[in-house]
């Protein structure tokens, strides 16, 4: 987990330093601002409450609230809620609690260090392959995303307003 975090931090620091001094190669100086802008946009999209999983005859969704340590940080806290209270749902993540997240080197990805209550073997890295406007389902979503994992699973993600879940992330309103 820390190698991915260190790698992303070093890359961002190097890019920003190259652009600031003007002493780096012309390619590095030209790419750094756009790369930083892309990461900032992704961080803004990631920040907040997400319902993540797979919809089927029996849904497999869980909740996650991503918060940066401070604005613009590439690390933060993730609060996971299993989603066992959702109608017709078997949780995607069979656990609840607080963990941490970091932006790895892979673009549009988040590396999740799950809470201690979670079993070993959960996919740690989630790539947001695309973002789109949400449809009518699930009700109340403000953003939709297609995600993939390192293990090749394809997931759906739906971002919700902060009011969807309790402030302590002990419960969320069922949008299904």
C-alpha atoms as a PDB file:
ATOM      1  CA  UNK A   1       0.000   0.000   0.000  1.00  0.00           C
ATOM      2  CA  UNK A   2       2.704   2.497   0.906  1.00  0.00           C
ATOM      3  CA  UNK A   3       4.730   1.839  -2.248  1.00  0.00           C
ATOM      4  CA  UNK A   4       1.770   2.875  -4.392  1.00  0.00           C
ATOM      5  CA  UNK A   5       1.247   5.982  -2.297  1.00  0.00           C
ATOM      6  CA  UNK A   6       4.925   6.926  -2.377  1.00  0.00           C
ATOM      7  CA  UNK A   7       5.092   6.373  -6.123  1.00  0.00           C
ATOM      8  CA  UNK A   8       2.132   8.637  -6.809  1.00  0.00           C
ATOM      9  CA  UNK A   9       3.461  11.328  -4.463  1.00  0.00           C
ATOM     10  CA  UNK A  10       6.910  11.232  -6.039  1.00  0.00           C
ATOM     11  CA  UNK A  11       5.440  11.485  -9.517  1.00  0.00           C
ATOM     12  CA  UNK A  12       3.274  14.460  -8.606  1.00  0.00           C
ATOM     13  CA  UNK A  13       6.111  16.196  -6.750  1.00  0.00           C
ATOM     14  CA  UNK A  14       8.497  15.651  -9.654  1.00  0.00           C
ATOM     15  CA  UNK A  15       6.002  16.962 -12.189  1.00  0.00           C
ATOM     16  CA  UNK A  16       5.180  20.051 -10.167  1.00  0.00           C
ATOM     17  CA  UNK A  17       8.874  20.737  -9.470  1.00  0.00           C
ATOM     18  CA  UNK A  18       9.736  20.413 -13.158  1.00  0.00           C
ATOM     19  CA  UNK A  19       6.986  22.836 -14.110  1.00  0.00           C
ATOM     20  CA  UNK A  20       7.916  25.278 -11.337  1.00  0.00           C
ATOM     21  CA  UNK A  21      11.603  25.518 -12.138  1.00  0.00           C
ATOM     22  CA  UNK A  22      11.287  25.277 -15.900  1.00  0.00           C
ATOM     23  CA  UNK A  23      14.475  23.250 -15.776  1.00  0.00           C
ATOM     24  CA  UNK A  24      12.904  19.895 -16.634  1.00  0.00           C
ATOM     25  CA  UNK A  25      12.416  18.507 -20.098  1.00  0.00           C
ATOM     26  CA  UNK A  26       9.858  20.316 -22.211  1.00  0.00           C
ATOM     27  CA  UNK A  27       7.607  17.239 -22.192  1.00  0.00           C
ATOM     28  CA  UNK A  28       7.589  16.973 -18.382  1.00  0.00           C
ATOM     29  CA  UNK A  29       6.884  20.675 -17.947  1.00  0.00           C
ATOM     30  CA  UNK A  30       4.037  20.573 -20.462  1.00  0.00           C
ATOM     31  CA  UNK A  31       2.449  17.412 -19.043  1.00  0.00           C
ATOM     32  CA  UNK A  32       2.591  18.209 -15.329  1.00  0.00           C
ATOM     33  CA  UNK A  33      -0.147  20.864 -15.175  1.00  0.00           C
ATOM     34  CA  UNK A  34      -2.641  18.788 -17.175  1.00  0.00           C
ATOM     35  CA  UNK A  35      -1.833  15.667 -15.115  1.00  0.00           C
ATOM     36  CA  UNK A  36      -2.321  17.637 -11.894  1.00  0.00           C
ATOM     37  CA  UNK A  37      -5.635  18.980 -13.223  1.00  0.00           C
ATOM     38  CA  UNK A  38      -6.820  15.487 -14.089  1.00  0.00           C
ATOM     39  CA  UNK A  39      -5.976  14.236 -10.588  1.00  0.00           C
ATOM     40  CA  UNK A  40      -7.698  17.234  -8.967  1.00  0.00           C
ATOM     41  CA  UNK A  41     -10.841  16.576 -11.032  1.00  0.00           C
ATOM     42  CA  UNK A  42     -10.777  12.884 -10.092  1.00  0.00           C
ATOM     43  CA  UNK A  43     -10.343  13.736  -6.389  1.00  0.00           C
ATOM     44  CA  UNK A  44     -13.387  16.022  -6.566  1.00  0.00           C
ATOM     45  CA  UNK A  45     -15.424  13.249  -8.217  1.00  0.00           C
ATOM     46  CA  UNK A  46     -14.251  10.632  -5.694  1.00  0.00           C
ATOM     47  CA  UNK A  47     -14.939  12.761  -2.604  1.00  0.00           C
ATOM     48  CA  UNK A  48     -18.236  11.778  -0.991  1.00  0.00           C
ATOM     49  CA  UNK A  49     -20.653   8.883  -0.678  1.00  0.00           C
ATOM     50  CA  UNK A  50     -20.650   6.029  -3.215  1.00  0.00           C
ATOM     51  CA  UNK A  51     -22.765   2.903  -3.596  1.00  0.00           C
ATOM     52  CA  UNK A  52     -20.445   0.364  -5.260  1.00  0.00           C
ATOM     53  CA  UNK A  53     -21.082  -3.152  -6.500  1.00  0.00           C
ATOM     54  CA  UNK A  54     -23.094  -5.150  -9.010  1.00  0.00           C
ATOM     55  CA  UNK A  55     -26.817  -5.081  -9.726  1.00  0.00           C
ATOM     56  CA  UNK A  56     -28.516  -8.362 -10.630  1.00  0.00           C
ATOM     57  CA  UNK A  57     -31.478 -10.476  -9.494  1.00  0.00           C
ATOM     58  CA  UNK A  58     -29.866 -10.204  -6.075  1.00  0.00           C
ATOM     59  CA  UNK A  59     -27.892  -6.969  -5.772  1.00  0.00           C
ATOM     60  CA  UNK A  60     -24.352  -6.903  -4.363  1.00  0.00           C
ATOM     61  CA  UNK A  61     -23.729  -3.315  -3.219  1.00  0.00           C
ATOM     62  CA  UNK A  62     -21.947  -1.640  -0.328  1.00  0.00           C
ATOM     63  CA  UNK A  63     -21.476   1.991   0.696  1.00  0.00           C
ATOM     64  CA  UNK A  64     -18.196   3.907   0.871  1.00  0.00           C
ATOM     65  CA  UNK A  65     -17.580   7.515   1.892  1.00  0.00           C
ATOM     66  CA  UNK A  66     -14.243   8.869   0.625  1.00  0.00           C
ATOM     67  CA  UNK A  67     -12.813  11.953   2.346  1.00  0.00           C
ATOM     68  CA  UNK A  68      -9.423  13.547   1.667  1.00  0.00           C
ATOM     69  CA  UNK A  69      -7.208  14.229   4.664  1.00  0.00           C
ATOM     70  CA  UNK A  70      -7.280  17.845   3.481  1.00  0.00           C
ATOM     71  CA  UNK A  71      -8.384  19.377   0.159  1.00  0.00           C
ATOM     72  CA  UNK A  72      -6.218  18.163  -2.718  1.00  0.00           C
ATOM     73  CA  UNK A  73      -4.580  15.354  -0.720  1.00  0.00           C
ATOM     74  CA  UNK A  74      -4.031  12.056  -2.502  1.00  0.00           C
ATOM     75  CA  UNK A  75      -4.870  10.152   0.707  1.00  0.00           C
ATOM     76  CA  UNK A  76      -7.752  10.059   3.113  1.00  0.00           C
ATOM     77  CA  UNK A  77     -10.288   8.141   5.151  1.00  0.00           C
ATOM     78  CA  UNK A  78     -12.800   5.695   3.707  1.00  0.00           C
ATOM     79  CA  UNK A  79     -15.831   4.705   5.755  1.00  0.00           C
ATOM     80  CA  UNK A  80     -17.362   1.435   4.550  1.00  0.00           C
ATOM     81  CA  UNK A  81     -20.903   0.281   5.310  1.00  0.00           C
ATOM     82  CA  UNK A  82     -21.757  -3.261   4.200  1.00  0.00           C
ATOM     83  CA  UNK A  83     -25.204  -2.468   2.825  1.00  0.00           C
ATOM     84  CA  UNK A  84     -26.834  -5.425   4.536  1.00  0.00           C
ATOM     85  CA  UNK A  85     -29.904  -3.239   5.206  1.00  0.00           C
ATOM     86  CA  UNK A  86     -30.539  -2.603   1.490  1.00  0.00           C
ATOM     87  CA  UNK A  87     -33.531  -4.410  -0.043  1.00  0.00           C
ATOM     88  CA  UNK A  88     -32.694  -7.555  -2.046  1.00  0.00           C
ATOM     89  CA  UNK A  89     -28.970  -7.081  -1.427  1.00  0.00           C
ATOM     90  CA  UNK A  90     -26.053  -9.276  -0.412  1.00  0.00           C
ATOM     91  CA  UNK A  91     -23.240  -6.832   0.478  1.00  0.00           C
ATOM     92  CA  UNK A  92     -20.358  -6.441  -1.961  1.00  0.00           C
ATOM     93  CA  UNK A  93     -18.030  -5.804   1.001  1.00  0.00           C
ATOM     94  CA  UNK A  94     -19.099  -7.961   3.964  1.00  0.00           C
ATOM     95  CA  UNK A  95     -17.877  -5.508   6.577  1.00  0.00           C
ATOM     96  CA  UNK A  96     -18.234  -1.994   7.960  1.00  0.00           C
ATOM     97  CA  UNK A  97     -15.826   0.448   9.562  1.00  0.00           C
ATOM     98  CA  UNK A  98     -13.141   3.014   8.842  1.00  0.00           C
ATOM     99  CA  UNK A  99     -10.081   2.454   6.686  1.00  0.00           C
ATOM    100  CA  UNK A 100      -7.878   4.623   4.511  1.00  0.00           C
ATOM    101  CA  UNK A 101      -7.394   5.234   0.799  1.00  0.00           C
ATOM    102  CA  UNK A 102      -4.665   6.590  -1.463  1.00  0.00           C
ATOM    103  CA  UNK A 103      -4.277   7.448  -5.132  1.00  0.00           C
ATOM    104  CA  UNK A 104      -1.898   4.905  -6.745  1.00  0.00           C
ATOM    105  CA  UNK A 105       0.062   5.418  -9.971  1.00  0.00           C
ATOM    106  CA  UNK A 106      -2.720   4.002 -12.167  1.00  0.00           C
ATOM    107  CA  UNK A 107      -4.884   6.894 -13.445  1.00  0.00           C
ATOM    108  CA  UNK A 108      -8.434   7.280 -12.099  1.00  0.00           C
ATOM    109  CA  UNK A 109      -7.827   4.652  -9.419  1.00  0.00           C
ATOM    110  CA  UNK A 110      -8.098   4.454  -5.654  1.00  0.00           C
ATOM    111  CA  UNK A 111      -6.243   1.996  -3.424  1.00  0.00           C
ATOM    112  CA  UNK A 112      -8.342   1.038  -0.380  1.00  0.00           C
ATOM    113  CA  UNK A 113      -6.919  -0.193   2.919  1.00  0.00           C
ATOM    114  CA  UNK A 114     -10.098  -1.744   4.332  1.00  0.00           C
ATOM    115  CA  UNK A 115     -11.126  -1.621   7.998  1.00  0.00           C
ATOM    116  CA  UNK A 116      -9.766  -4.327  10.303  1.00  0.00           C
ATOM    117  CA  UNK A 117     -13.275  -5.868  10.432  1.00  0.00           C
ATOM    118  CA  UNK A 118     -13.023  -6.787   6.740  1.00  0.00           C
ATOM    119  CA  UNK A 119     -11.838 -10.221   5.624  1.00  0.00           C
ATOM    120  CA  UNK A 120      -8.550 -10.678   3.803  1.00  0.00           C
ATOM    121  CA  UNK A 121      -8.712 -11.025   0.041  1.00  0.00           C
ATOM    122  CA  UNK A 122     -10.884  -8.017  -0.890  1.00  0.00           C
ATOM    123  CA  UNK A 123      -9.785  -6.238  -4.071  1.00  0.00           C
ATOM    124  CA  UNK A 124      -7.709  -3.273  -2.874  1.00  0.00           C
ATOM    125  CA  UNK A 125      -7.648  -1.192  -6.069  1.00  0.00           C
ATOM    126  CA  UNK A 126     -10.619   0.240  -7.949  1.00  0.00           C
ATOM    127  CA  UNK A 127     -10.324   2.050 -11.285  1.00  0.00           C
ATOM    128  CA  UNK A 128     -13.084   4.443 -12.310  1.00  0.00           C
ATOM    129  CA  UNK A 129     -13.105   3.622 -16.034  1.00  0.00           C
ATOM    130  CA  UNK A 130     -15.767   6.183 -16.929  1.00  0.00           C
ATOM    131  CA  UNK A 131     -18.143   8.693 -15.367  1.00  0.00           C
ATOM    132  CA  UNK A 132     -21.590   9.497 -16.687  1.00  0.00           C
ATOM    133  CA  UNK A 133     -24.824  11.158 -15.690  1.00  0.00           C
ATOM    134  CA  UNK A 134     -26.938   8.817 -13.559  1.00  0.00           C
ATOM    135  CA  UNK A 135     -30.176   7.331 -14.821  1.00  0.00           C
ATOM    136  CA  UNK A 136     -33.407   7.075 -12.843  1.00  0.00           C
ATOM    137  CA  UNK A 137     -32.007   4.096 -10.895  1.00  0.00           C
ATOM    138  CA  UNK A 138     -30.862   4.118  -8.183  1.00  0.00           C
ATOM    139  CA  UNK A 139     -32.975   7.085  -7.133  1.00  0.00           C
ATOM    140  CA  UNK A 140     -31.101  10.138  -5.874  1.00  0.00           C
ATOM    141  CA  UNK A 141     -27.704   9.368  -7.461  1.00  0.00           C
ATOM    142  CA  UNK A 142     -25.842  12.476  -8.669  1.00  0.00           C
ATOM    143  CA  UNK A 143     -23.097  10.698 -10.666  1.00  0.00           C
ATOM    144  CA  UNK A 144     -22.612   7.209 -12.095  1.00  0.00           C
ATOM    145  CA  UNK A 145     -19.365   5.377 -12.846  1.00  0.00           C
ATOM    146  CA  UNK A 146     -18.144   2.133 -14.369  1.00  0.00           C
ATOM    147  CA  UNK A 147     -15.383   0.585 -12.273  1.00  0.00           C
ATOM    148  CA  UNK A 148     -12.979  -2.315 -12.623  1.00  0.00           C
ATOM    149  CA  UNK A 149     -10.721  -4.078 -10.136  1.00  0.00           C
ATOM    150  CA  UNK A 150      -7.217  -5.516 -10.408  1.00  0.00           C
ATOM    151  CA  UNK A 151      -8.838  -8.972 -10.419  1.00  0.00           C
ATOM    152  CA  UNK A 152     -10.929  -8.086 -13.472  1.00  0.00           C
ATOM    153  CA  UNK A 153     -14.338  -7.557 -11.849  1.00  0.00           C
ATOM    154  CA  UNK A 154     -16.590  -4.955 -13.495  1.00  0.00           C
ATOM    155  CA  UNK A 155     -18.630  -2.878 -11.054  1.00  0.00           C
ATOM    156  CA  UNK A 156     -21.105  -0.020 -10.972  1.00  0.00           C
ATOM    157  CA  UNK A 157     -20.690   3.030  -8.782  1.00  0.00           C
ATOM    158  CA  UNK A 158     -23.245   5.673  -7.867  1.00  0.00           C
ATOM    159  CA  UNK A 159     -22.388   8.867  -6.041  1.00  0.00           C
ATOM    160  CA  UNK A 160     -24.971  10.339  -3.666  1.00  0.00           C
ATOM    161  CA  UNK A 161     -25.381  13.613  -1.789  1.00  0.00           C
ATOM    162  CA  UNK A 162     -23.946  13.772   1.733  1.00  0.00           C
ATOM    163  CA  UNK A 163     -27.468  13.593   3.159  1.00  0.00           C
ATOM    164  CA  UNK A 164     -27.870   9.992   1.891  1.00  0.00           C
ATOM    165  CA  UNK A 165     -26.012   8.640   4.931  1.00  0.00           C
ATOM    166  CA  UNK A 166     -25.833   9.460   8.621  1.00  0.00           C
ATOM    167  CA  UNK A 167     -22.950  11.741   9.612  1.00  0.00           C
ATOM    168  CA  UNK A 168     -21.319   8.841  11.512  1.00  0.00           C
ATOM    169  CA  UNK A 169     -21.856   6.527   8.490  1.00  0.00           C
ATOM    170  CA  UNK A 170     -23.848   4.087  10.674  1.00  0.00           C
ATOM    171  CA  UNK A 171     -26.722   3.971   8.161  1.00  0.00           C
ATOM    172  CA  UNK A 172     -27.705   5.131   4.679  1.00  0.00           C
ATOM    173  CA  UNK A 173     -31.109   5.588   3.052  1.00  0.00           C
ATOM    174  CA  UNK A 174     -31.966   2.751   0.665  1.00  0.00           C
ATOM    175  CA  UNK A 175     -32.083   4.055  -2.934  1.00  0.00           C
ATOM    176  CA  UNK A 176     -32.828   0.653  -4.441  1.00  0.00           C
END
